[in-house]
Amino acid sequence: MSGFYRFIQYFHKKGISKMTANQNIYVVLTGTGTAFSGIIKWFTKAELNHASIAFDSELREVYSFGRKKAYNPFVAGLIRENFVHPFYSSADCAIYQLRVSKTEYETMYNHVKGMMDHQERYKYHLLGLIGVLLNVKINREDAYFCSHFVASVFEESAVHPVAKPSCFVTPEDFAASLCAHKIFSGKLSCYMRRTHGQLVQASCVHTPGSPVPAAVAAQMMRLKEDRVEGVV
């Protein structure tokens, strides 16, 4: 009988361990080199001027506030970003990993998913960027800029990477506060190749006129159908 109870106790502990296991959340800073990014860089003097929050190490679920069309910076809002898109092939990035509890992870994840359910409600808070420069809080309902959004998601939990109100947080604040948590710095396309394998590499290096493998062609077709989101 004692052996049976040890057997039950073992699986009980395993279940508790699984329930209380920590999980990772990622802050991703990027610099795309677009004209709008250049304007922000002129004000901030920082190389990486766009912040996103990711819920997996492969950066498949990445969210932020940015433009919804590649060539129209004036239509922007809440977006799910697609870092596999060829647009990001030359983007620089820094990726930071934060260990959080399962409860904190789910709280932040569910908060973002709840916002995504009403995605069209949310607008890009351009005036908020001016407020950061002037150190003045400018309120606008359902409006965020990228780092403001990321910091506000952390405010839903007990995790506060930057010790200031979310409306004043910049991408550079994340870089300064999370330097000990940096897991990657370099080309975003390089990180994506590492985590996604040869499919991403092949789609990035394909030259016009050359045959495209069926799997890569299907992936590229999906990319073309997606909106180029999160471009700053």
C-alpha atoms as a PDB file:
ATOM      1  CA  MET A   1       0.000   0.000   0.000  1.00  0.00           C
ATOM      2  CA  SER A   2       2.878   2.383   0.821  1.00  0.00           C
ATOM      3  CA  GLY A   3       4.179   1.919  -2.725  1.00  0.00           C
ATOM      4  CA  PHE A   4       0.779   2.909  -4.083  1.00  0.00           C
ATOM      5  CA  TYR A   5       0.730   6.083  -1.981  1.00  0.00           C
ATOM      6  CA  ARG A   6       4.236   6.988  -3.128  1.00  0.00           C
ATOM      7  CA  PHE A   7       3.013   6.515  -6.701  1.00  0.00           C
ATOM      8  CA  ILE A   8       0.064   8.864  -6.093  1.00  0.00           C
ATOM      9  CA  GLN A   9       2.268  11.380  -4.277  1.00  0.00           C
ATOM     10  CA  TYR A  10       4.736  11.438  -7.192  1.00  0.00           C
ATOM     11  CA  PHE A  11       2.071  12.325  -9.745  1.00  0.00           C
ATOM     12  CA  HIS A  12       0.468  14.789  -7.346  1.00  0.00           C
ATOM     13  CA  LYS A  13       3.752  16.672  -7.043  1.00  0.00           C
ATOM     14  CA  LYS A  14       4.234  16.541 -10.791  1.00  0.00           C
ATOM     15  CA  GLY A  15       0.809  18.054 -11.299  1.00  0.00           C
ATOM     16  CA  ILE A  16       1.453  20.868  -8.828  1.00  0.00           C
ATOM     17  CA  SER A  17       4.841  21.543 -10.399  1.00  0.00           C
ATOM     18  CA  LYS A  18       3.242  21.819 -13.816  1.00  0.00           C
ATOM     19  CA  MET A  19       0.532  24.133 -12.503  1.00  0.00           C
ATOM     20  CA  THR A  20       3.007  26.490 -10.797  1.00  0.00           C
ATOM     21  CA  ALA A  21       5.757  26.359 -13.429  1.00  0.00           C
ATOM     22  CA  ASN A  22       7.149  29.682 -14.569  1.00  0.00           C
ATOM     23  CA  GLN A  23       6.897  30.831 -18.164  1.00  0.00           C
ATOM     24  CA  ASN A  24       8.721  33.340 -20.324  1.00  0.00           C
ATOM     25  CA  ILE A  25       7.556  36.602 -21.847  1.00  0.00           C
ATOM     26  CA  TYR A  26       9.693  38.523 -24.314  1.00  0.00           C
ATOM     27  CA  VAL A  27      10.203  42.215 -24.987  1.00  0.00           C
ATOM     28  CA  VAL A  28      11.385  42.781 -28.555  1.00  0.00           C
ATOM     29  CA  LEU A  29      12.968  46.065 -29.631  1.00  0.00           C
ATOM     30  CA  THR A  30      13.403  46.650 -33.360  1.00  0.00           C
ATOM     31  CA  GLY A  31      14.705  49.257 -35.753  1.00  0.00           C
ATOM     32  CA  THR A  32      13.438  49.003 -39.319  1.00  0.00           C
ATOM     33  CA  GLY A  33      15.106  52.011 -40.879  1.00  0.00           C
ATOM     34  CA  THR A  34      11.891  53.523 -42.256  1.00  0.00           C
ATOM     35  CA  ALA A  35      11.404  57.287 -42.491  1.00  0.00           C
ATOM     36  CA  PHE A  36       9.037  57.323 -39.498  1.00  0.00           C
ATOM     37  CA  SER A  37      11.519  55.302 -37.466  1.00  0.00           C
ATOM     38  CA  GLY A  38      14.156  57.845 -38.434  1.00  0.00           C
ATOM     39  CA  ILE A  39      12.025  60.692 -37.111  1.00  0.00           C
ATOM     40  CA  ILE A  40      11.563  58.931 -33.777  1.00  0.00           C
ATOM     41  CA  LYS A  41      15.294  58.190 -33.675  1.00  0.00           C
ATOM     42  CA  TRP A  42      16.018  61.889 -34.153  1.00  0.00           C
ATOM     43  CA  PHE A  43      14.039  62.627 -30.978  1.00  0.00           C
ATOM     44  CA  THR A  44      15.131  59.640 -28.874  1.00  0.00           C
ATOM     45  CA  LYS A  45      18.739  59.235 -30.079  1.00  0.00           C
ATOM     46  CA  ALA A  46      18.153  55.459 -29.800  1.00  0.00           C
ATOM     47  CA  GLU A  47      18.833  52.886 -32.519  1.00  0.00           C
ATOM     48  CA  LEU A  48      15.874  50.613 -31.708  1.00  0.00           C
ATOM     49  CA  ASN A  49      12.661  52.624 -31.610  1.00  0.00           C
ATOM     50  CA  HIS A  50       9.884  50.055 -31.719  1.00  0.00           C
ATOM     51  CA  ALA A  51       8.808  47.834 -28.805  1.00  0.00           C
ATOM     52  CA  SER A  52       6.704  44.678 -28.924  1.00  0.00           C
ATOM     53  CA  ILE A  53       5.646  41.992 -26.479  1.00  0.00           C
ATOM     54  CA  ALA A  54       5.916  38.307 -27.435  1.00  0.00           C
ATOM     55  CA  PHE A  55       4.485  35.267 -25.710  1.00  0.00           C
ATOM     56  CA  ASP A  56       6.820  32.628 -27.187  1.00  0.00           C
ATOM     57  CA  SER A  57      10.524  32.354 -27.976  1.00  0.00           C
ATOM     58  CA  GLU A  58       9.846  31.752 -31.696  1.00  0.00           C
ATOM     59  CA  LEU A  59       8.134  35.178 -31.889  1.00  0.00           C
ATOM     60  CA  ARG A  60       5.009  33.716 -33.436  1.00  0.00           C
ATOM     61  CA  GLU A  61       2.675  35.652 -31.136  1.00  0.00           C
ATOM     62  CA  VAL A  62       3.977  39.221 -31.076  1.00  0.00           C
ATOM     63  CA  TYR A  63       1.815  42.273 -30.380  1.00  0.00           C
ATOM     64  CA  SER A  64       2.344  46.002 -30.454  1.00  0.00           C
ATOM     65  CA  PHE A  65       1.004  49.305 -31.750  1.00  0.00           C
ATOM     66  CA  GLY A  66       2.232  50.334 -35.173  1.00  0.00           C
ATOM     67  CA  ARG A  67       1.229  50.988 -38.739  1.00  0.00           C
ATOM     68  CA  LYS A  68      -1.057  48.474 -40.416  1.00  0.00           C
ATOM     69  CA  LYS A  69       0.195  49.038 -43.945  1.00  0.00           C
ATOM     70  CA  ALA A  70       3.824  49.084 -44.969  1.00  0.00           C
ATOM     71  CA  TYR A  71       3.650  52.364 -46.871  1.00  0.00           C
ATOM     72  CA  ASN A  72       1.053  54.260 -44.866  1.00  0.00           C
ATOM     73  CA  PRO A  73       2.254  55.429 -41.432  1.00  0.00           C
ATOM     74  CA  PHE A  74      -1.012  57.271 -40.795  1.00  0.00           C
ATOM     75  CA  VAL A  75      -3.181  54.150 -40.433  1.00  0.00           C
ATOM     76  CA  ALA A  76      -1.963  52.541 -37.240  1.00  0.00           C
ATOM     77  CA  GLY A  77      -3.241  50.780 -34.165  1.00  0.00           C
ATOM     78  CA  LEU A  78      -3.160  47.489 -32.295  1.00  0.00           C
ATOM     79  CA  ILE A  79      -1.490  44.782 -34.373  1.00  0.00           C
ATOM     80  CA  ARG A  80      -0.181  41.239 -34.313  1.00  0.00           C
ATOM     81  CA  GLU A  81       3.232  41.422 -35.929  1.00  0.00           C
ATOM     82  CA  ASN A  82       4.640  39.068 -38.536  1.00  0.00           C
ATOM     83  CA  PHE A  83       8.423  39.028 -38.171  1.00  0.00           C
ATOM     84  CA  VAL A  84       8.776  36.352 -40.861  1.00  0.00           C
ATOM     85  CA  HIS A  85       7.772  38.858 -43.527  1.00  0.00           C
ATOM     86  CA  PRO A  86      10.660  39.802 -45.881  1.00  0.00           C
ATOM     87  CA  PHE A  87      10.248  43.446 -44.852  1.00  0.00           C
ATOM     88  CA  TYR A  88      12.082  42.630 -41.631  1.00  0.00           C
ATOM     89  CA  SER A  89      15.028  40.970 -43.346  1.00  0.00           C
ATOM     90  CA  SER A  90      17.309  43.925 -42.600  1.00  0.00           C
ATOM     91  CA  ALA A  91      15.784  45.006 -39.277  1.00  0.00           C
ATOM     92  CA  ASP A  92      17.988  45.167 -36.190  1.00  0.00           C
ATOM     93  CA  CYS A  93      16.650  43.907 -32.897  1.00  0.00           C
ATOM     94  CA  ALA A  94      17.284  43.193 -29.244  1.00  0.00           C
ATOM     95  CA  ILE A  95      15.286  40.508 -27.446  1.00  0.00           C
ATOM     96  CA  TYR A  96      14.788  40.315 -23.693  1.00  0.00           C
ATOM     97  CA  GLN A  97      13.407  37.342 -21.775  1.00  0.00           C
ATOM     98  CA  LEU A  98      11.486  37.744 -18.520  1.00  0.00           C
ATOM     99  CA  ARG A  99      10.544  34.848 -16.270  1.00  0.00           C
ATOM    100  CA  VAL A 100       7.020  35.198 -14.866  1.00  0.00           C
ATOM    101  CA  SER A 101       4.609  32.939 -13.033  1.00  0.00           C
ATOM    102  CA  LYS A 102       2.028  30.966 -14.965  1.00  0.00           C
ATOM    103  CA  THR A 103      -0.694  33.171 -13.466  1.00  0.00           C
ATOM    104  CA  GLU A 104       1.080  36.366 -14.519  1.00  0.00           C
ATOM    105  CA  TYR A 105       1.658  34.989 -17.997  1.00  0.00           C
ATOM    106  CA  GLU A 106      -1.992  34.064 -18.441  1.00  0.00           C
ATOM    107  CA  THR A 107      -3.166  37.412 -17.043  1.00  0.00           C
ATOM    108  CA  MET A 108      -1.076  39.348 -19.561  1.00  0.00           C
ATOM    109  CA  TYR A 109      -1.854  37.004 -22.437  1.00  0.00           C
ATOM    110  CA  ASN A 110      -5.600  37.095 -21.810  1.00  0.00           C
ATOM    111  CA  HIS A 111      -5.487  40.877 -21.508  1.00  0.00           C
ATOM    112  CA  VAL A 112      -3.868  41.211 -24.940  1.00  0.00           C
ATOM    113  CA  LYS A 113      -6.208  38.655 -26.505  1.00  0.00           C
ATOM    114  CA  GLY A 114      -9.157  40.563 -25.057  1.00  0.00           C
ATOM    115  CA  MET A 115      -7.863  43.729 -26.718  1.00  0.00           C
ATOM    116  CA  MET A 116      -7.408  41.867 -29.993  1.00  0.00           C
ATOM    117  CA  ASP A 117     -11.060  40.838 -29.869  1.00  0.00           C
ATOM    118  CA  HIS A 118     -11.848  44.550 -30.253  1.00  0.00           C
ATOM    119  CA  GLN A 119      -8.792  45.419 -32.337  1.00  0.00           C
ATOM    120  CA  GLU A 120     -10.387  48.152 -34.415  1.00  0.00           C
ATOM    121  CA  ARG A 121     -11.220  50.149 -31.289  1.00  0.00           C
ATOM    122  CA  TYR A 122      -7.572  50.910 -30.557  1.00  0.00           C
ATOM    123  CA  LYS A 123      -5.637  53.735 -32.200  1.00  0.00           C
ATOM    124  CA  TYR A 124      -2.018  54.805 -32.334  1.00  0.00           C
ATOM    125  CA  HIS A 125      -1.300  57.561 -29.792  1.00  0.00           C
ATOM    126  CA  LEU A 126       0.948  59.938 -31.723  1.00  0.00           C
ATOM    127  CA  LEU A 127       0.259  62.765 -29.274  1.00  0.00           C
ATOM    128  CA  GLY A 128       1.440  60.464 -26.508  1.00  0.00           C
ATOM    129  CA  LEU A 129       4.919  60.456 -28.066  1.00  0.00           C
ATOM    130  CA  ILE A 130       4.948  64.241 -27.872  1.00  0.00           C
ATOM    131  CA  GLY A 131       3.845  63.956 -24.258  1.00  0.00           C
ATOM    132  CA  VAL A 132       6.877  61.783 -23.509  1.00  0.00           C
ATOM    133  CA  LEU A 133       9.181  64.430 -24.970  1.00  0.00           C
ATOM    134  CA  LEU A 134       7.498  67.144 -22.888  1.00  0.00           C
ATOM    135  CA  ASN A 135       7.089  64.897 -19.826  1.00  0.00           C
ATOM    136  CA  VAL A 136       3.367  65.633 -19.897  1.00  0.00           C
ATOM    137  CA  LYS A 137       0.699  62.934 -19.704  1.00  0.00           C
ATOM    138  CA  ILE A 138      -1.666  63.273 -22.660  1.00  0.00           C
ATOM    139  CA  ASN A 139      -4.758  61.113 -22.214  1.00  0.00           C
ATOM    140  CA  ARG A 140      -6.587  59.623 -25.159  1.00  0.00           C
ATOM    141  CA  GLU A 141      -9.044  56.782 -24.694  1.00  0.00           C
ATOM    142  CA  ASP A 142      -8.049  53.437 -26.230  1.00  0.00           C
ATOM    143  CA  ALA A 143      -4.854  54.880 -27.713  1.00  0.00           C
ATOM    144  CA  TYR A 144      -1.265  53.746 -27.196  1.00  0.00           C
ATOM    145  CA  PHE A 145       2.146  53.995 -28.771  1.00  0.00           C
ATOM    146  CA  CYS A 146       4.292  50.875 -28.921  1.00  0.00           C
ATOM    147  CA  SER A 147       6.292  51.006 -25.663  1.00  0.00           C
ATOM    148  CA  HIS A 148       3.309  52.510 -23.831  1.00  0.00           C
ATOM    149  CA  PHE A 149       1.283  49.447 -24.809  1.00  0.00           C
ATOM    150  CA  VAL A 150       3.983  46.952 -23.805  1.00  0.00           C
ATOM    151  CA  ALA A 151       4.449  48.617 -20.419  1.00  0.00           C
ATOM    152  CA  SER A 152       0.677  48.752 -19.874  1.00  0.00           C
ATOM    153  CA  VAL A 153       0.434  44.987 -20.423  1.00  0.00           C
ATOM    154  CA  PHE A 154       2.993  44.445 -17.662  1.00  0.00           C
ATOM    155  CA  GLU A 155       0.936  46.722 -15.422  1.00  0.00           C
ATOM    156  CA  GLU A 156      -1.795  44.072 -15.554  1.00  0.00           C
ATOM    157  CA  SER A 157       0.495  41.864 -13.444  1.00  0.00           C
ATOM    158  CA  ALA A 158       2.983  42.328 -10.619  1.00  0.00           C
ATOM    159  CA  VAL A 159       5.826  42.550 -13.148  1.00  0.00           C
ATOM    160  CA  HIS A 160       7.116  46.085 -13.723  1.00  0.00           C
ATOM    161  CA  PRO A 161      10.289  46.113 -15.833  1.00  0.00           C
ATOM    162  CA  VAL A 162      10.450  49.929 -15.917  1.00  0.00           C
ATOM    163  CA  ALA A 163       9.875  52.039 -12.807  1.00  0.00           C
ATOM    164  CA  LYS A 164       7.700  54.746 -14.368  1.00  0.00           C
ATOM    165  CA  PRO A 165       4.094  55.066 -15.580  1.00  0.00           C
ATOM    166  CA  SER A 166       3.469  53.210 -18.832  1.00  0.00           C
ATOM    167  CA  CYS A 167       2.551  56.422 -20.674  1.00  0.00           C
ATOM    168  CA  PHE A 168       6.140  57.649 -20.269  1.00  0.00           C
ATOM    169  CA  VAL A 169       7.971  54.412 -21.079  1.00  0.00           C
ATOM    170  CA  THR A 170      10.174  54.402 -24.199  1.00  0.00           C
ATOM    171  CA  PRO A 171      11.871  51.477 -25.970  1.00  0.00           C
ATOM    172  CA  GLU A 172      15.165  52.771 -24.605  1.00  0.00           C
ATOM    173  CA  ASP A 173      13.778  52.446 -21.056  1.00  0.00           C
ATOM    174  CA  PHE A 174      13.273  48.733 -21.665  1.00  0.00           C
ATOM    175  CA  ALA A 175      16.804  48.441 -23.023  1.00  0.00           C
ATOM    176  CA  ALA A 176      18.242  50.114 -19.930  1.00  0.00           C
ATOM    177  CA  SER A 177      16.119  48.245 -17.384  1.00  0.00           C
ATOM    178  CA  LEU A 178      16.345  44.785 -18.967  1.00  0.00           C
ATOM    179  CA  CYS A 179      20.003  44.703 -20.021  1.00  0.00           C
ATOM    180  CA  ALA A 180      20.632  41.689 -17.765  1.00  0.00           C
ATOM    181  CA  HIS A 181      17.768  39.827 -19.480  1.00  0.00           C
ATOM    182  CA  LYS A 182      18.982  40.244 -23.061  1.00  0.00           C
ATOM    183  CA  ILE A 183      19.133  36.933 -24.943  1.00  0.00           C
ATOM    184  CA  PHE A 184      19.813  38.210 -28.466  1.00  0.00           C
ATOM    185  CA  SER A 185      21.077  41.288 -30.260  1.00  0.00           C
ATOM    186  CA  GLY A 186      21.539  41.539 -34.018  1.00  0.00           C
ATOM    187  CA  LYS A 187      19.551  41.043 -37.196  1.00  0.00           C
ATOM    188  CA  LEU A 188      15.970  39.958 -36.580  1.00  0.00           C
ATOM    189  CA  SER A 189      16.093  37.720 -39.659  1.00  0.00           C
ATOM    190  CA  CYS A 190      19.044  35.858 -38.128  1.00  0.00           C
ATOM    191  CA  TYR A 191      17.084  35.152 -34.952  1.00  0.00           C
ATOM    192  CA  MET A 192      14.075  34.030 -36.955  1.00  0.00           C
ATOM    193  CA  ARG A 193      16.233  31.640 -38.991  1.00  0.00           C
ATOM    194  CA  ARG A 194      17.586  30.149 -35.776  1.00  0.00           C
ATOM    195  CA  THR A 195      14.143  29.552 -34.317  1.00  0.00           C
ATOM    196  CA  HIS A 196      12.109  28.764 -37.437  1.00  0.00           C
ATOM    197  CA  GLY A 197      14.616  26.734 -39.442  1.00  0.00           C
ATOM    198  CA  GLN A 198      15.362  26.586 -43.128  1.00  0.00           C
ATOM    199  CA  LEU A 199      11.888  27.592 -44.315  1.00  0.00           C
ATOM    200  CA  VAL A 200      12.433  31.175 -43.195  1.00  0.00           C
ATOM    201  CA  GLN A 201      15.971  31.174 -44.567  1.00  0.00           C
ATOM    202  CA  ALA A 202      14.843  29.942 -47.969  1.00  0.00           C
ATOM    203  CA  SER A 203      12.018  32.471 -48.191  1.00  0.00           C
ATOM    204  CA  CYS A 204      14.406  35.285 -47.297  1.00  0.00           C
ATOM    205  CA  VAL A 205      17.153  34.435 -49.780  1.00  0.00           C
ATOM    206  CA  HIS A 206      14.998  33.487 -52.755  1.00  0.00           C
ATOM    207  CA  THR A 207      15.855  35.483 -55.877  1.00  0.00           C
ATOM    208  CA  PRO A 208      13.257  36.473 -58.523  1.00  0.00           C
ATOM    209  CA  GLY A 209      13.097  34.101 -61.458  1.00  0.00           C
ATOM    210  CA  SER A 210      14.481  31.081 -59.643  1.00  0.00           C
ATOM    211  CA  PRO A 211      12.320  28.024 -58.813  1.00  0.00           C
ATOM    212  CA  VAL A 212      10.634  28.147 -55.428  1.00  0.00           C
ATOM    213  CA  PRO A 213      10.089  24.923 -53.432  1.00  0.00           C
ATOM    214  CA  ALA A 214       6.422  24.166 -52.863  1.00  0.00           C
ATOM    215  CA  ALA A 215       6.608  24.580 -49.084  1.00  0.00           C
ATOM    216  CA  VAL A 216       8.395  27.899 -49.387  1.00  0.00           C
ATOM    217  CA  ALA A 217       5.981  29.058 -52.089  1.00  0.00           C
ATOM    218  CA  ALA A 218       3.039  28.300 -49.809  1.00  0.00           C
ATOM    219  CA  GLN A 219       4.667  30.218 -46.977  1.00  0.00           C
ATOM    220  CA  MET A 220       5.405  33.203 -49.233  1.00  0.00           C
ATOM    221  CA  MET A 221       1.819  33.150 -50.496  1.00  0.00           C
ATOM    222  CA  ARG A 222       0.531  33.336 -46.927  1.00  0.00           C
ATOM    223  CA  LEU A 223       2.889  36.225 -46.236  1.00  0.00           C
ATOM    224  CA  LYS A 224       1.628  38.139 -49.263  1.00  0.00           C
ATOM    225  CA  GLU A 225      -1.941  37.652 -48.134  1.00  0.00           C
ATOM    226  CA  ASP A 226      -1.152  38.986 -44.652  1.00  0.00           C
ATOM    227  CA  ARG A 227      -0.998  42.690 -43.988  1.00  0.00           C
ATOM    228  CA  VAL A 228       2.473  44.021 -43.314  1.00  0.00           C
ATOM    229  CA  GLU A 229       1.825  45.002 -39.739  1.00  0.00           C
ATOM    230  CA  GLY A 230       3.936  46.531 -37.028  1.00  0.00           C
ATOM    231  CA  VAL A 231       6.158  48.548 -39.321  1.00  0.00           C
ATOM    232  CA  VAL A 232       7.510  51.774 -37.816  1.00  0.00           C
END
